[in-house]
PDB file of N, CA and C in Angstrom:
ATOM      1  N   LEU A   1      98.336  76.556 149.649  1.00  0.00           N
ATOM      2  CA  LEU A   1      97.963  76.923 148.925  1.00  0.00           C
ATOM      3  C   LEU A   1      97.311  76.466 147.795  1.00  0.00           C
ATOM      4  N   GLY A   2      96.650  76.812 146.747  1.00  0.00           N
ATOM      5  CA  GLY A   2      96.529  76.866 146.324  1.00  0.00           C
ATOM      6  C   GLY A   2      96.679  75.849 145.120  1.00  0.00           C
ATOM      7  N   LYS A   3      96.404  74.816 144.341  1.00  0.00           N
ATOM      8  CA  LYS A   3      96.461  74.413 142.757  1.00  0.00           C
ATOM      9  C   LYS A   3      95.629  75.507 141.640  1.00  0.00           C
ATOM     10  N   PRO A   4      96.546  76.576 140.969  1.00  0.00           N
ATOM     11  CA  PRO A   4      95.829  76.790 139.555  1.00  0.00           C
ATOM     12  C   PRO A   4      94.878  75.938 138.890  1.00  0.00           C
ATOM     13  N   THR A   5      93.892  76.354 138.730  1.00  0.00           N
ATOM     14  CA  THR A   5      92.566  76.151 137.369  1.00  0.00           C
ATOM     15  C   THR A   5      92.970  77.097 136.225  1.00  0.00           C
ATOM     16  N   ALA A   6      92.559  75.727 135.261  1.00  0.00           N
ATOM     17  CA  ALA A   6      91.868  76.876 133.598  1.00  0.00           C
ATOM     18  C   ALA A   6      91.713  78.442 133.942  1.00  0.00           C
ATOM     19  N   ARG A   7      91.525  78.687 133.224  1.00  0.00           N
ATOM     20  CA  ARG A   7      91.822  80.610 133.393  1.00  0.00           C
ATOM     21  C   ARG A   7      89.890  80.037 132.242  1.00  0.00           C
ATOM     22  N   GLN A   8      89.196  80.568 132.588  1.00  0.00           N
ATOM     23  CA  GLN A   8      87.657  80.636 132.096  1.00  0.00           C
ATOM     24  C   GLN A   8      87.175  81.958 131.961  1.00  0.00           C
ATOM     25  N   GLU A   9      86.738  82.357 131.137  1.00  0.00           N
ATOM     26  CA  GLU A   9      86.557  83.769 129.914  1.00  0.00           C
ATOM     27  C   GLU A   9      84.537  83.186 131.252  1.00  0.00           C
ATOM     28  N   ARG A  10      84.625  84.716 131.545  1.00  0.00           N
ATOM     29  CA  ARG A  10      83.311  84.788 132.287  1.00  0.00           C
ATOM     30  C   ARG A  10      82.700  86.185 132.407  1.00  0.00           C
ATOM     31  N   PRO A  11      81.264  86.446 132.208  1.00  0.00           N
ATOM     32  CA  PRO A  11      80.845  87.379 131.486  1.00  0.00           C
ATOM     33  C   PRO A  11      80.663  88.712 132.202  1.00  0.00           C
ATOM     34  N   ARG A  12      80.941  89.651 131.863  1.00  0.00           N
ATOM     35  CA  ARG A  12      81.354  91.052 132.878  1.00  0.00           C
ATOM     36  C   ARG A  12      79.769  91.430 133.730  1.00  0.00           C
ATOM     37  N   PRO A  13      79.997  91.978 134.931  1.00  0.00           N
ATOM     38  CA  PRO A  13      78.512  91.947 135.496  1.00  0.00           C
ATOM     39  C   PRO A  13      77.883  92.567 134.936  1.00  0.00           C
ATOM     40  N   GLY A  14      76.071  92.693 134.938  1.00  0.00           N
ATOM     41  CA  GLY A  14      75.428  93.513 133.884  1.00  0.00           C
ATOM     42  C   GLY A  14      75.712  93.101 132.270  1.00  0.00           C
ATOM     43  N   THR A  15      76.545  92.695 131.817  1.00  0.00           N
ATOM     44  CA  THR A  15      76.103  92.435 130.469  1.00  0.00           C
ATOM     45  C   THR A  15      76.010  91.129 130.221  1.00  0.00           C
ATOM     46  N   ALA A  16      75.261  90.648 128.810  1.00  0.00           N
ATOM     47  CA  ALA A  16      75.372  89.355 128.048  1.00  0.00           C
ATOM     48  C   ALA A  16      76.209  88.617 127.847  1.00  0.00           C
ATOM     49  N   GLN A  17      76.572  87.839 128.157  1.00  0.00           N
ATOM     50  CA  GLN A  17      78.225  87.040 126.708  1.00  0.00           C
ATOM     51  C   GLN A  17      77.101  87.121 125.433  1.00  0.00           C
ATOM     52  N   GLN A  18      77.966  87.086 124.981  1.00  0.00           N
ATOM     53  CA  GLN A  18      77.680  86.971 123.863  1.00  0.00           C
ATOM     54  C   GLN A  18      78.370  86.014 122.697  1.00  0.00           C
ATOM     55  N   GLN A  19      78.229  85.549 121.411  1.00  0.00           N
ATOM     56  CA  GLN A  19      78.879  85.150 120.713  1.00  0.00           C
ATOM     57  C   GLN A  19      79.921  85.886 119.422  1.00  0.00           C
ATOM     58  N   HIS A  20      80.996  86.044 119.197  1.00  0.00           N
ATOM     59  CA  HIS A  20      81.601  86.812 118.131  1.00  0.00           C
ATOM     60  C   HIS A  20      80.870  86.041 117.146  1.00  0.00           C
ATOM     61  N   GLU A  21      80.032  87.400 116.488  1.00  0.00           N
ATOM     62  CA  GLU A  21      79.846  87.009 114.862  1.00  0.00           C
ATOM     63  C   GLU A  21      79.985  87.875 113.731  1.00  0.00           C
ATOM     64  N   ASP A  22      81.028  87.271 112.953  1.00  0.00           N
ATOM     65  CA  ASP A  22      81.027  87.215 111.475  1.00  0.00           C
ATOM     66  C   ASP A  22      79.804  88.468 110.622  1.00  0.00           C
ATOM     67  N   ARG A  23      80.333  89.071 109.956  1.00  0.00           N
ATOM     68  CA  ARG A  23      79.115  89.585 108.357  1.00  0.00           C
ATOM     69  C   ARG A  23      78.986  88.514 107.772  1.00  0.00           C
ATOM     70  N   PRO A  24      78.009  87.826 107.162  1.00  0.00           N
ATOM     71  CA  PRO A  24      77.132  87.208 106.681  1.00  0.00           C
ATOM     72  C   PRO A  24      78.381  87.256 105.159  1.00  0.00           C
ATOM     73  N   GLY A  25      78.594  85.955 104.641  1.00  0.00           N
ATOM     74  CA  GLY A  25      79.829  85.638 103.892  1.00  0.00           C
ATOM     75  C   GLY A  25      81.376  85.169 103.958  1.00  0.00           C
ATOM     76  N   PHE A  26      81.950  85.931 103.802  1.00  0.00           N
ATOM     77  CA  PHE A  26      83.245  85.620 103.457  1.00  0.00           C
ATOM     78  C   PHE A  26      83.686  86.971 103.030  1.00  0.00           C
ATOM     79  N   GLN A  27      82.783  88.220 102.031  1.00  0.00           N
ATOM     80  CA  GLN A  27      83.467  89.438 101.720  1.00  0.00           C
ATOM     81  C   GLN A  27      84.208  89.921 101.696  1.00  0.00           C
ATOM     82  N   TYR A  28      83.941  90.549 103.694  1.00  0.00           N
ATOM     83  CA  TYR A  28      84.476  90.916 104.714  1.00  0.00           C
ATOM     84  C   TYR A  28      86.005  90.469 104.939  1.00  0.00           C
ATOM     85  N   ASP A  29      86.102  88.974 104.653  1.00  0.00           N
ATOM     86  CA  ASP A  29      87.468  88.355 105.379  1.00  0.00           C
ATOM     87  C   ASP A  29      88.432  88.160 103.880  1.00  0.00           C
ATOM     88  N   HIS A  30      87.700  88.167 103.075  1.00  0.00           N
ATOM     89  CA  HIS A  30      88.257  88.636 101.502  1.00  0.00           C
ATOM     90  C   HIS A  30      88.999  90.399 100.992  1.00  0.00           C
ATOM     91  N   GLU A  31      88.307  91.026 101.228  1.00  0.00           N
ATOM     92  CA  GLU A  31      88.819  92.205 101.519  1.00  0.00           C
ATOM     93  C   GLU A  31      89.563  92.630 102.438  1.00  0.00           C
ATOM     94  N   ALA A  32      89.822  92.359 104.025  1.00  0.00           N
ATOM     95  CA  ALA A  32      90.541  91.954 104.408  1.00  0.00           C
ATOM     96  C   ALA A  32      92.261  91.423 104.594  1.00  0.00           C
ATOM     97  N   PHE A  33      92.038  90.211 103.684  1.00  0.00           N
ATOM     98  CA  PHE A  33      93.022  90.036 103.119  1.00  0.00           C
ATOM     99  C   PHE A  33      93.649  90.148 102.167  1.00  0.00           C
ATOM    100  N   LEU A  34      92.525  90.595 101.165  1.00  0.00           N
ATOM    101  CA  LEU A  34      93.666  91.026 100.138  1.00  0.00           C
ATOM    102  C   LEU A  34      92.883  93.192  99.723  1.00  0.00           C
ATOM    103  N   GLY A  35      92.516  93.392 100.262  1.00  0.00           N
ATOM    104  CA  GLY A  35      91.911  94.828 100.109  1.00  0.00           C
ATOM    105  C   GLY A  35      90.828  94.877  99.575  1.00  0.00           C
ATOM    106  N   LYS A  36      90.247  96.111  99.544  1.00  0.00           N
ATOM    107  CA  LYS A  36      89.202  96.285  98.580  1.00  0.00           C
ATOM    108  C   LYS A  36      89.077  95.830  97.252  1.00  0.00           C
ATOM    109  N   GLU A  37      90.255  96.564  96.797  1.00  0.00           N
ATOM    110  CA  GLU A  37      90.473  96.825  95.069  1.00  0.00           C
ATOM    111  C   GLU A  37      90.976  95.876  94.522  1.00  0.00           C
ATOM    112  N   GLU A  38      91.854  94.767  95.450  1.00  0.00           N
ATOM    113  CA  GLU A  38      92.717  93.424  94.957  1.00  0.00           C
ATOM    114  C   GLU A  38      91.657  92.523  95.472  1.00  0.00           C
ATOM    115  N   ALA A  39      90.455  92.123  96.375  1.00  0.00           N
ATOM    116  CA  ALA A  39      89.502  91.648  96.251  1.00  0.00           C
ATOM    117  C   ALA A  39      88.543  92.274  95.476  1.00  0.00           C
ATOM    118  N   ARG A  40      87.829  93.512  94.698  1.00  0.00           N
ATOM    119  CA  ARG A  40      86.786  93.059  93.599  1.00  0.00           C
ATOM    120  C   ARG A  40      87.920  92.591  92.351  1.00  0.00           C
ATOM    121  N   SER A  41      88.863  92.945  91.994  1.00  0.00           N
ATOM    122  CA  SER A  41      89.427  92.226  91.608  1.00  0.00           C
ATOM    123  C   SER A  41      89.535  90.295  90.919  1.00  0.00           C
ATOM    124  N   PHE A  42      89.358  89.800  92.324  1.00  0.00           N
ATOM    125  CA  PHE A  42      89.783  88.602  91.880  1.00  0.00           C
ATOM    126  C   PHE A  42      87.655  88.048  92.471  1.00  0.00           C
ATOM    127  N   ASP A  43      86.830  89.046  92.334  1.00  0.00           N
ATOM    128  CA  ASP A  43      85.481  88.600  91.433  1.00  0.00           C
ATOM    129  C   ASP A  43      85.375  88.059  90.413  1.00  0.00           C
ATOM    130  N   GLN A  44      86.492  88.981  89.672  1.00  0.00           N
ATOM    131  CA  GLN A  44      85.719  88.372  88.682  1.00  0.00           C
ATOM    132  C   GLN A  44      87.050  87.574  87.801  1.00  0.00           C
ATOM    133  N   LEU A  45      87.515  86.596  88.684  1.00  0.00           N
ATOM    134  CA  LEU A  45      88.542  85.643  87.978  1.00  0.00           C
ATOM    135  C   LEU A  45      87.339  84.376  87.856  1.00  0.00           C
ATOM    136  N   SER A  46      87.995  83.769  86.950  1.00  0.00           N
ATOM    137  CA  SER A  46      87.898  82.195  87.253  1.00  0.00           C
ATOM    138  C   SER A  46      88.179  81.236  88.456  1.00  0.00           C
ATOM    139  N   PRO A  47      87.787  80.469  89.095  1.00  0.00           N
ATOM    140  CA  PRO A  47      88.256  79.651  89.822  1.00  0.00           C
ATOM    141  C   PRO A  47      89.941  79.293  89.986  1.00  0.00           C
ATOM    142  N   GLU A  48      90.326  78.984  88.329  1.00  0.00           N
ATOM    143  CA  GLU A  48      91.483  79.005  88.224  1.00  0.00           C
ATOM    144  C   GLU A  48      92.729  79.543  88.467  1.00  0.00           C
ATOM    145  N   GLU A  49      92.826  80.952  87.833  1.00  0.00           N
ATOM    146  CA  GLU A  49      93.003  81.845  87.920  1.00  0.00           C
ATOM    147  C   GLU A  49      93.198  82.517  90.106  1.00  0.00           C
ATOM    148  N   SER A  50      92.064  82.616  89.843  1.00  0.00           N
ATOM    149  CA  SER A  50      92.138  82.903  91.186  1.00  0.00           C
ATOM    150  C   SER A  50      93.487  81.960  92.273  1.00  0.00           C
ATOM    151  N   ARG A  51      92.519  80.326  92.290  1.00  0.00           N
ATOM    152  CA  ARG A  51      94.009  79.607  92.899  1.00  0.00           C
ATOM    153  C   ARG A  51      95.619  80.102  92.731  1.00  0.00           C
ATOM    154  N   GLN A  52      95.754  80.848  91.199  1.00  0.00           N
ATOM    155  CA  GLN A  52      97.242  80.640  90.863  1.00  0.00           C
ATOM    156  C   GLN A  52      97.269  82.133  92.025  1.00  0.00           C
ATOM    157  N   ARG A  53      96.274  83.201  91.794  1.00  0.00           N
ATOM    158  CA  ARG A  53      97.077  84.819  91.844  1.00  0.00           C
ATOM    159  C   ARG A  53      97.006  84.728  93.132  1.00  0.00           C
ATOM    160  N   LEU A  54      96.050  83.810  93.944  1.00  0.00           N
ATOM    161  CA  LEU A  54      96.797  83.766  96.065  1.00  0.00           C
ATOM    162  C   LEU A  54      97.676  82.596  95.953  1.00  0.00           C
ATOM    163  N   GLY A  55      98.001  81.783  95.338  1.00  0.00           N
ATOM    164  CA  GLY A  55      99.063  80.860  95.777  1.00  0.00           C
ATOM    165  C   GLY A  55     100.544  82.229  96.092  1.00  0.00           C
ATOM    166  N   LYS A  56     100.398  83.354  94.849  1.00  0.00           N
ATOM    167  CA  LYS A  56     101.284  84.271  94.930  1.00  0.00           C
ATOM    168  C   LYS A  56     101.684  85.161  96.017  1.00  0.00           C
ATOM    169  N   ILE A  57     100.189  85.197  96.168  1.00  0.00           N
ATOM    170  CA  ILE A  57      99.801  86.305  97.291  1.00  0.00           C
ATOM    171  C   ILE A  57     100.898  85.387  98.677  1.00  0.00           C
ATOM    172  N   VAL A  58      99.858  84.467  98.555  1.00  0.00           N
ATOM    173  CA  VAL A  58     100.542  83.467  99.969  1.00  0.00           C
ATOM    174  C   VAL A  58     102.156  83.265  99.776  1.00  0.00           C
ATOM    175  N   ASP A  59     103.078  83.122  98.320  1.00  0.00           N
ATOM    176  CA  ASP A  59     104.502  83.502  99.094  1.00  0.00           C
ATOM    177  C   ASP A  59     105.035  84.525  99.499  1.00  0.00           C
ATOM    178  N   ARG A  60     104.506  85.401  98.893  1.00  0.00           N
ATOM    179  CA  ARG A  60     104.443  87.024  99.317  1.00  0.00           C
ATOM    180  C   ARG A  60     104.798  87.005 101.201  1.00  0.00           C
ATOM    181  N   ILE A  61     103.353  86.494 101.353  1.00  0.00           N
ATOM    182  CA  ILE A  61     102.677  86.793 103.197  1.00  0.00           C
ATOM    183  C   ILE A  61     103.963  86.355 103.771  1.00  0.00           C
ATOM    184  N   ASP A  62     104.473  84.705 102.904  1.00  0.00           N
ATOM    185  CA  ASP A  62     105.615  83.764 103.836  1.00  0.00           C
ATOM    186  C   ASP A  62     106.907  84.155 103.882  1.00  0.00           C
ATOM    187  N   ASP A  63     107.371  85.301 105.108  1.00  0.00           N
ATOM    188  CA  ASP A  63     108.192  85.908 105.344  1.00  0.00           C
ATOM    189  C   ASP A  63     109.304  84.887 105.277  1.00  0.00           C
ATOM    190  N   ASP A  64     109.276  84.130 105.968  1.00  0.00           N
ATOM    191  CA  ASP A  64     110.438  83.334 106.120  1.00  0.00           C
ATOM    192  C   ASP A  64     110.970  82.246 105.397  1.00  0.00           C
ATOM    193  N   LYS A  65     109.751  82.417 104.246  1.00  0.00           N
ATOM    194  CA  LYS A  65     109.913  80.704 103.263  1.00  0.00           C
ATOM    195  C   LYS A  65     110.220  79.433 103.468  1.00  0.00           C
ATOM    196  N   ASP A  66     109.459  79.103 104.737  1.00  0.00           N
ATOM    197  CA  ASP A  66     109.300  77.718 105.043  1.00  0.00           C
ATOM    198  C   ASP A  66     108.034  77.303 104.558  1.00  0.00           C
ATOM    199  N   GLY A  67     107.385  77.433 103.958  1.00  0.00           N
ATOM    200  CA  GLY A  67     106.316  77.101 103.237  1.00  0.00           C
ATOM    201  C   GLY A  67     104.879  76.643 103.826  1.00  0.00           C
ATOM    202  N   TYR A  68     105.387  77.315 105.009  1.00  0.00           N
ATOM    203  CA  TYR A  68     103.173  77.743 105.983  1.00  0.00           C
ATOM    204  C   TYR A  68     103.572  79.352 106.348  1.00  0.00           C
ATOM    205  N   LEU A  69     102.543  79.329 106.815  1.00  0.00           N
ATOM    206  CA  LEU A  69     102.497  80.822 107.199  1.00  0.00           C
ATOM    207  C   LEU A  69     101.883  80.171 108.870  1.00  0.00           C
ATOM    208  N   THR A  70     101.959  81.793 109.306  1.00  0.00           N
ATOM    209  CA  THR A  70     101.792  81.371 110.684  1.00  0.00           C
ATOM    210  C   THR A  70     100.450  83.099 110.987  1.00  0.00           C
ATOM    211  N   THR A  71     100.868  82.778 112.340  1.00  0.00           N
ATOM    212  CA  THR A  71      99.576  83.952 112.733  1.00  0.00           C
ATOM    213  C   THR A  71      99.762  84.886 112.553  1.00  0.00           C
ATOM    214  N   GLU A  72     101.505  85.406 113.086  1.00  0.00           N
ATOM    215  CA  GLU A  72     101.972  86.361 112.525  1.00  0.00           C
ATOM    216  C   GLU A  72     102.103  87.263 111.023  1.00  0.00           C
ATOM    217  N   GLU A  73     102.455  86.186 110.290  1.00  0.00           N
ATOM    218  CA  GLU A  73     102.795  86.266 109.341  1.00  0.00           C
ATOM    219  C   GLU A  73     101.391  87.203 108.612  1.00  0.00           C
ATOM    220  N   LEU A  74     100.461  86.353 108.899  1.00  0.00           N
ATOM    221  CA  LEU A  74      98.436  86.619 108.350  1.00  0.00           C
ATOM    222  C   LEU A  74      98.469  88.064 108.876  1.00  0.00           C
ATOM    223  N   LYS A  75      98.997  88.375 110.501  1.00  0.00           N
ATOM    224  CA  LYS A  75      98.499  89.461 111.129  1.00  0.00           C
ATOM    225  C   LYS A  75      99.287  90.507 110.228  1.00  0.00           C
ATOM    226  N   THR A  76     100.524  90.256 109.659  1.00  0.00           N
ATOM    227  CA  THR A  76     101.236  91.597 108.432  1.00  0.00           C
ATOM    228  C   THR A  76     101.514  91.444 108.015  1.00  0.00           C
ATOM    229  N   TRP A  77     100.376  90.598 107.181  1.00  0.00           N
ATOM    230  CA  TRP A  77     100.361  90.953 106.257  1.00  0.00           C
ATOM    231  C   TRP A  77      98.751  91.862 106.151  1.00  0.00           C
ATOM    232  N   ILE A  78      98.027  91.233 107.256  1.00  0.00           N
ATOM    233  CA  ILE A  78      96.131  92.206 106.743  1.00  0.00           C
ATOM    234  C   ILE A  78      97.060  93.859 107.440  1.00  0.00           C
ATOM    235  N   LYS A  79      97.845  93.603 108.379  1.00  0.00           N
ATOM    236  CA  LYS A  79      98.347  95.326 108.633  1.00  0.00           C
ATOM    237  C   LYS A  79      98.524  96.198 107.225  1.00  0.00           C
ATOM    238  N   ARG A  80      99.612  95.426 106.973  1.00  0.00           N
ATOM    239  CA  ARG A  80     100.335  95.941 105.628  1.00  0.00           C
ATOM    240  C   ARG A  80      98.853  96.203 104.470  1.00  0.00           C
ATOM    241  N   VAL A  81      97.910  95.225 104.349  1.00  0.00           N
ATOM    242  CA  VAL A  81      97.217  95.709 103.341  1.00  0.00           C
ATOM    243  C   VAL A  81      96.252  96.917 103.932  1.00  0.00           C
ATOM    244  N   GLN A  82      95.672  97.001 105.022  1.00  0.00           N
ATOM    245  CA  GLN A  82      95.250  97.773 105.651  1.00  0.00           C
ATOM    246  C   GLN A  82      95.848  99.560 106.559  1.00  0.00           C
ATOM    247  N   LYS A  83      96.916  98.933 106.340  1.00  0.00           N
ATOM    248  CA  LYS A  83      97.669 100.526 105.813  1.00  0.00           C
ATOM    249  C   LYS A  83      97.389 101.009 104.528  1.00  0.00           C
ATOM    250  N   ARG A  84      97.852 100.157 103.082  1.00  0.00           N
ATOM    251  CA  ARG A  84      98.243 100.383 101.502  1.00  0.00           C
ATOM    252  C   ARG A  84      96.633 101.399 101.802  1.00  0.00           C
ATOM    253  N   TYR A  85      95.803 100.689 101.934  1.00  0.00           N
ATOM    254  CA  TYR A  85      94.388 101.151 101.744  1.00  0.00           C
ATOM    255  C   TYR A  85      94.073 102.647 102.595  1.00  0.00           C
ATOM    256  N   ILE A  86      94.604 102.408 103.826  1.00  0.00           N
ATOM    257  CA  ILE A  86      94.565 104.292 103.731  1.00  0.00           C
ATOM    258  C   ILE A  86      95.095 104.973 103.656  1.00  0.00           C
ATOM    259  N   TYR A  87      96.184 104.570 103.171  1.00  0.00           N
ATOM    260  CA  TYR A  87      97.309 105.636 102.225  1.00  0.00           C
ATOM    261  C   TYR A  87      96.530 106.227 100.724  1.00  0.00           C
ATOM    262  N   GLU A  88      95.653 105.291 100.257  1.00  0.00           N
ATOM    263  CA  GLU A  88      95.168 105.383  99.574  1.00  0.00           C
ATOM    264  C   GLU A  88      94.091 106.226  99.157  1.00  0.00           C
ATOM    265  N   ASN A  89      93.035 105.653 100.436  1.00  0.00           N
ATOM    266  CA  ASN A  89      92.275 106.647 100.821  1.00  0.00           C
ATOM    267  C   ASN A  89      92.640 108.091 100.874  1.00  0.00           C
ATOM    268  N   VAL A  90      92.827 108.188 101.937  1.00  0.00           N
ATOM    269  CA  VAL A  90      93.676 109.814 102.209  1.00  0.00           C
ATOM    270  C   VAL A  90      94.045 110.496 100.559  1.00  0.00           C
ATOM    271  N   ALA A  91      95.168 109.845  99.923  1.00  0.00           N
ATOM    272  CA  ALA A  91      94.821 110.929  99.210  1.00  0.00           C
ATOM    273  C   ALA A  91      94.357 110.719  97.696  1.00  0.00           C
ATOM    274  N   LYS A  92      93.318 109.891  97.747  1.00  0.00           N
ATOM    275  CA  LYS A  92      91.713 110.029  96.862  1.00  0.00           C
ATOM    276  C   LYS A  92      91.239 111.135  97.978  1.00  0.00           C
ATOM    277  N   VAL A  93      91.245 111.017  99.015  1.00  0.00           N
ATOM    278  CA  VAL A  93      90.272 112.364  99.498  1.00  0.00           C
ATOM    279  C   VAL A  93      90.513 113.913  99.326  1.00  0.00           C
ATOM    280  N   TRP A  94      92.662 113.696 100.074  1.00  0.00           N
ATOM    281  CA  TRP A  94      92.921 114.740  99.720  1.00  0.00           C
ATOM    282  C   TRP A  94      92.542 116.044  98.730  1.00  0.00           C
ATOM    283  N   LYS A  95      92.733 114.810  97.340  1.00  0.00           N
ATOM    284  CA  LYS A  95      92.342 115.966  96.326  1.00  0.00           C
ATOM    285  C   LYS A  95      90.767 116.750  96.680  1.00  0.00           C
ATOM    286  N   ASP A  96      90.119 115.884  96.936  1.00  0.00           N
ATOM    287  CA  ASP A  96      88.520 116.900  97.088  1.00  0.00           C
ATOM    288  C   ASP A  96      88.290 117.568  97.312  1.00  0.00           C
ATOM    289  N   TYR A  97      89.361 117.710  99.165  1.00  0.00           N
ATOM    290  CA  TYR A  97      89.756 118.411  99.825  1.00  0.00           C
ATOM    291  C   TYR A  97      90.197 119.712 100.557  1.00  0.00           C
ATOM    292  N   ASP A  98      91.378 119.477  99.375  1.00  0.00           N
ATOM    293  CA  ASP A  98      92.396 120.757  99.020  1.00  0.00           C
ATOM    294  C   ASP A  98      91.723 121.867  97.824  1.00  0.00           C
ATOM    295  N   LEU A  99      91.047 122.706  97.621  1.00  0.00           N
ATOM    296  CA  LEU A  99      90.342 122.369  96.156  1.00  0.00           C
ATOM    297  C   LEU A  99      90.910 123.947  96.243  1.00  0.00           C
ATOM    298  N   ASN A 100      92.318 124.498  96.403  1.00  0.00           N
ATOM    299  CA  ASN A 100      92.926 125.483  95.615  1.00  0.00           C
ATOM    300  C   ASN A 100      94.878 124.559  95.288  1.00  0.00           C
ATOM    301  N   LYS A 101      94.770 123.193  95.523  1.00  0.00           N
ATOM    302  CA  LYS A 101      95.710 122.578  94.951  1.00  0.00           C
ATOM    303  C   LYS A 101      96.915 122.845  95.267  1.00  0.00           C
ATOM    304  N   ASP A 102      97.271 123.915  96.929  1.00  0.00           N
ATOM    305  CA  ASP A 102      98.425 123.724  97.320  1.00  0.00           C
ATOM    306  C   ASP A 102      99.021 123.159  97.998  1.00  0.00           C
ATOM    307  N   ASN A 103      98.900 122.042  97.959  1.00  0.00           N
ATOM    308  CA  ASN A 103      99.012 120.942  98.758  1.00  0.00           C
ATOM    309  C   ASN A 103      98.977 120.989 100.232  1.00  0.00           C
ATOM    310  N   LYS A 104      97.710 121.374 100.793  1.00  0.00           N
ATOM    311  CA  LYS A 104      97.569 122.085 101.952  1.00  0.00           C
ATOM    312  C   LYS A 104      96.246 121.802 102.094  1.00  0.00           C
ATOM    313  N   ILE A 105      95.540 121.584 103.202  1.00  0.00           N
ATOM    314  CA  ILE A 105      93.858 121.835 103.694  1.00  0.00           C
ATOM    315  C   ILE A 105      93.735 123.197 104.940  1.00  0.00           C
ATOM    316  N   ALA A 106      92.982 124.018 104.150  1.00  0.00           N
ATOM    317  CA  ALA A 106      92.674 125.323 105.248  1.00  0.00           C
ATOM    318  C   ALA A 106      91.844 125.066 105.693  1.00  0.00           C
ATOM    319  N   TRP A 107      91.793 125.472 106.801  1.00  0.00           N
ATOM    320  CA  TRP A 107      90.537 125.567 107.550  1.00  0.00           C
ATOM    321  C   TRP A 107      88.903 125.569 106.840  1.00  0.00           C
ATOM    322  N   GLU A 108      88.782 126.924 106.008  1.00  0.00           N
ATOM    323  CA  GLU A 108      88.244 127.014 104.744  1.00  0.00           C
ATOM    324  C   GLU A 108      87.646 126.003 104.071  1.00  0.00           C
ATOM    325  N   GLU A 109      88.564 125.711 103.362  1.00  0.00           N
ATOM    326  CA  GLU A 109      88.317 124.630 102.459  1.00  0.00           C
ATOM    327  C   GLU A 109      87.734 122.980 103.317  1.00  0.00           C
ATOM    328  N   TYR A 110      88.524 122.425 104.662  1.00  0.00           N
ATOM    329  CA  TYR A 110      87.958 121.536 104.782  1.00  0.00           C
ATOM    330  C   TYR A 110      86.084 121.827 104.694  1.00  0.00           C
ATOM    331  N   LYS A 111      86.237 123.226 105.379  1.00  0.00           N
ATOM    332  CA  LYS A 111      84.699 123.081 105.953  1.00  0.00           C
ATOM    333  C   LYS A 111      83.835 123.330 104.910  1.00  0.00           C
ATOM    334  N   GLN A 112      84.423 123.717 104.047  1.00  0.00           N
ATOM    335  CA  GLN A 112      83.505 124.003 101.649  1.00  0.00           C
ATOM    336  C   GLN A 112      83.681 122.922 101.703  1.00  0.00           C
ATOM    337  N   ALA A 113      84.600 122.114 101.417  1.00  0.00           N
ATOM    338  CA  ALA A 113      84.516 120.481 100.999  1.00  0.00           C
ATOM    339  C   ALA A 113      84.079 119.951 102.246  1.00  0.00           C
ATOM    340  N   THR A 114      83.349 119.808 103.114  1.00  0.00           N
ATOM    341  CA  THR A 114      82.811 119.033 104.144  1.00  0.00           C
ATOM    342  C   THR A 114      81.566 119.416 104.496  1.00  0.00           C
ATOM    343  N   TYR A 115      81.449 120.573 104.490  1.00  0.00           N
ATOM    344  CA  TYR A 115      79.557 121.124 104.143  1.00  0.00           C
ATOM    345  C   TYR A 115      79.421 122.422 103.525  1.00  0.00           C
ATOM    346  N   GLY A 116      79.990 122.209 102.389  1.00  0.00           N
ATOM    347  CA  GLY A 116      79.832 123.828 101.633  1.00  0.00           C
ATOM    348  C   GLY A 116      78.364 123.839 100.576  1.00  0.00           C
ATOM    349  N   TYR A 117      77.671 122.674 101.160  1.00  0.00           N
ATOM    350  CA  TYR A 117      76.572 123.052 100.284  1.00  0.00           C
ATOM    351  C   TYR A 117      74.902 123.425 102.028  1.00  0.00           C
ATOM    352  N   TYR A 118      75.721 123.381 102.631  1.00  0.00           N
ATOM    353  CA  TYR A 118      74.987 123.776 103.935  1.00  0.00           C
ATOM    354  C   TYR A 118      75.585 125.500 104.578  1.00  0.00           C
ATOM    355  N   LEU A 119      76.417 125.741 103.849  1.00  0.00           N
ATOM    356  CA  LEU A 119      76.793 127.173 104.386  1.00  0.00           C
ATOM    357  C   LEU A 119      76.125 127.826 103.425  1.00  0.00           C
TER     358      LEU A 119
END
């Protein structure tokens, strides 16, 4: 019986090992953490106002109120922000597709809203 060794990441055959690369700058993380609209409003604040508002957000993220943020609390927060963005986006787009305003999108309405100027 052999002694287990530390797990090492190995490249898959036929692929080159690539470094993880985030988008340049902080804007991507800024939007993931705050949401697009909230991130835009933060861009307009002074550093002091930004710190105060961020402190309030961190208090909301800290579910167990222990004064520290865990990875799970951050994951939960980011999922919540993304979900809110999706719901807001669907509500906005829905108005554009529901042409007769009956709160339903028929196939003809979808085609007209999506491809109308091509048809």
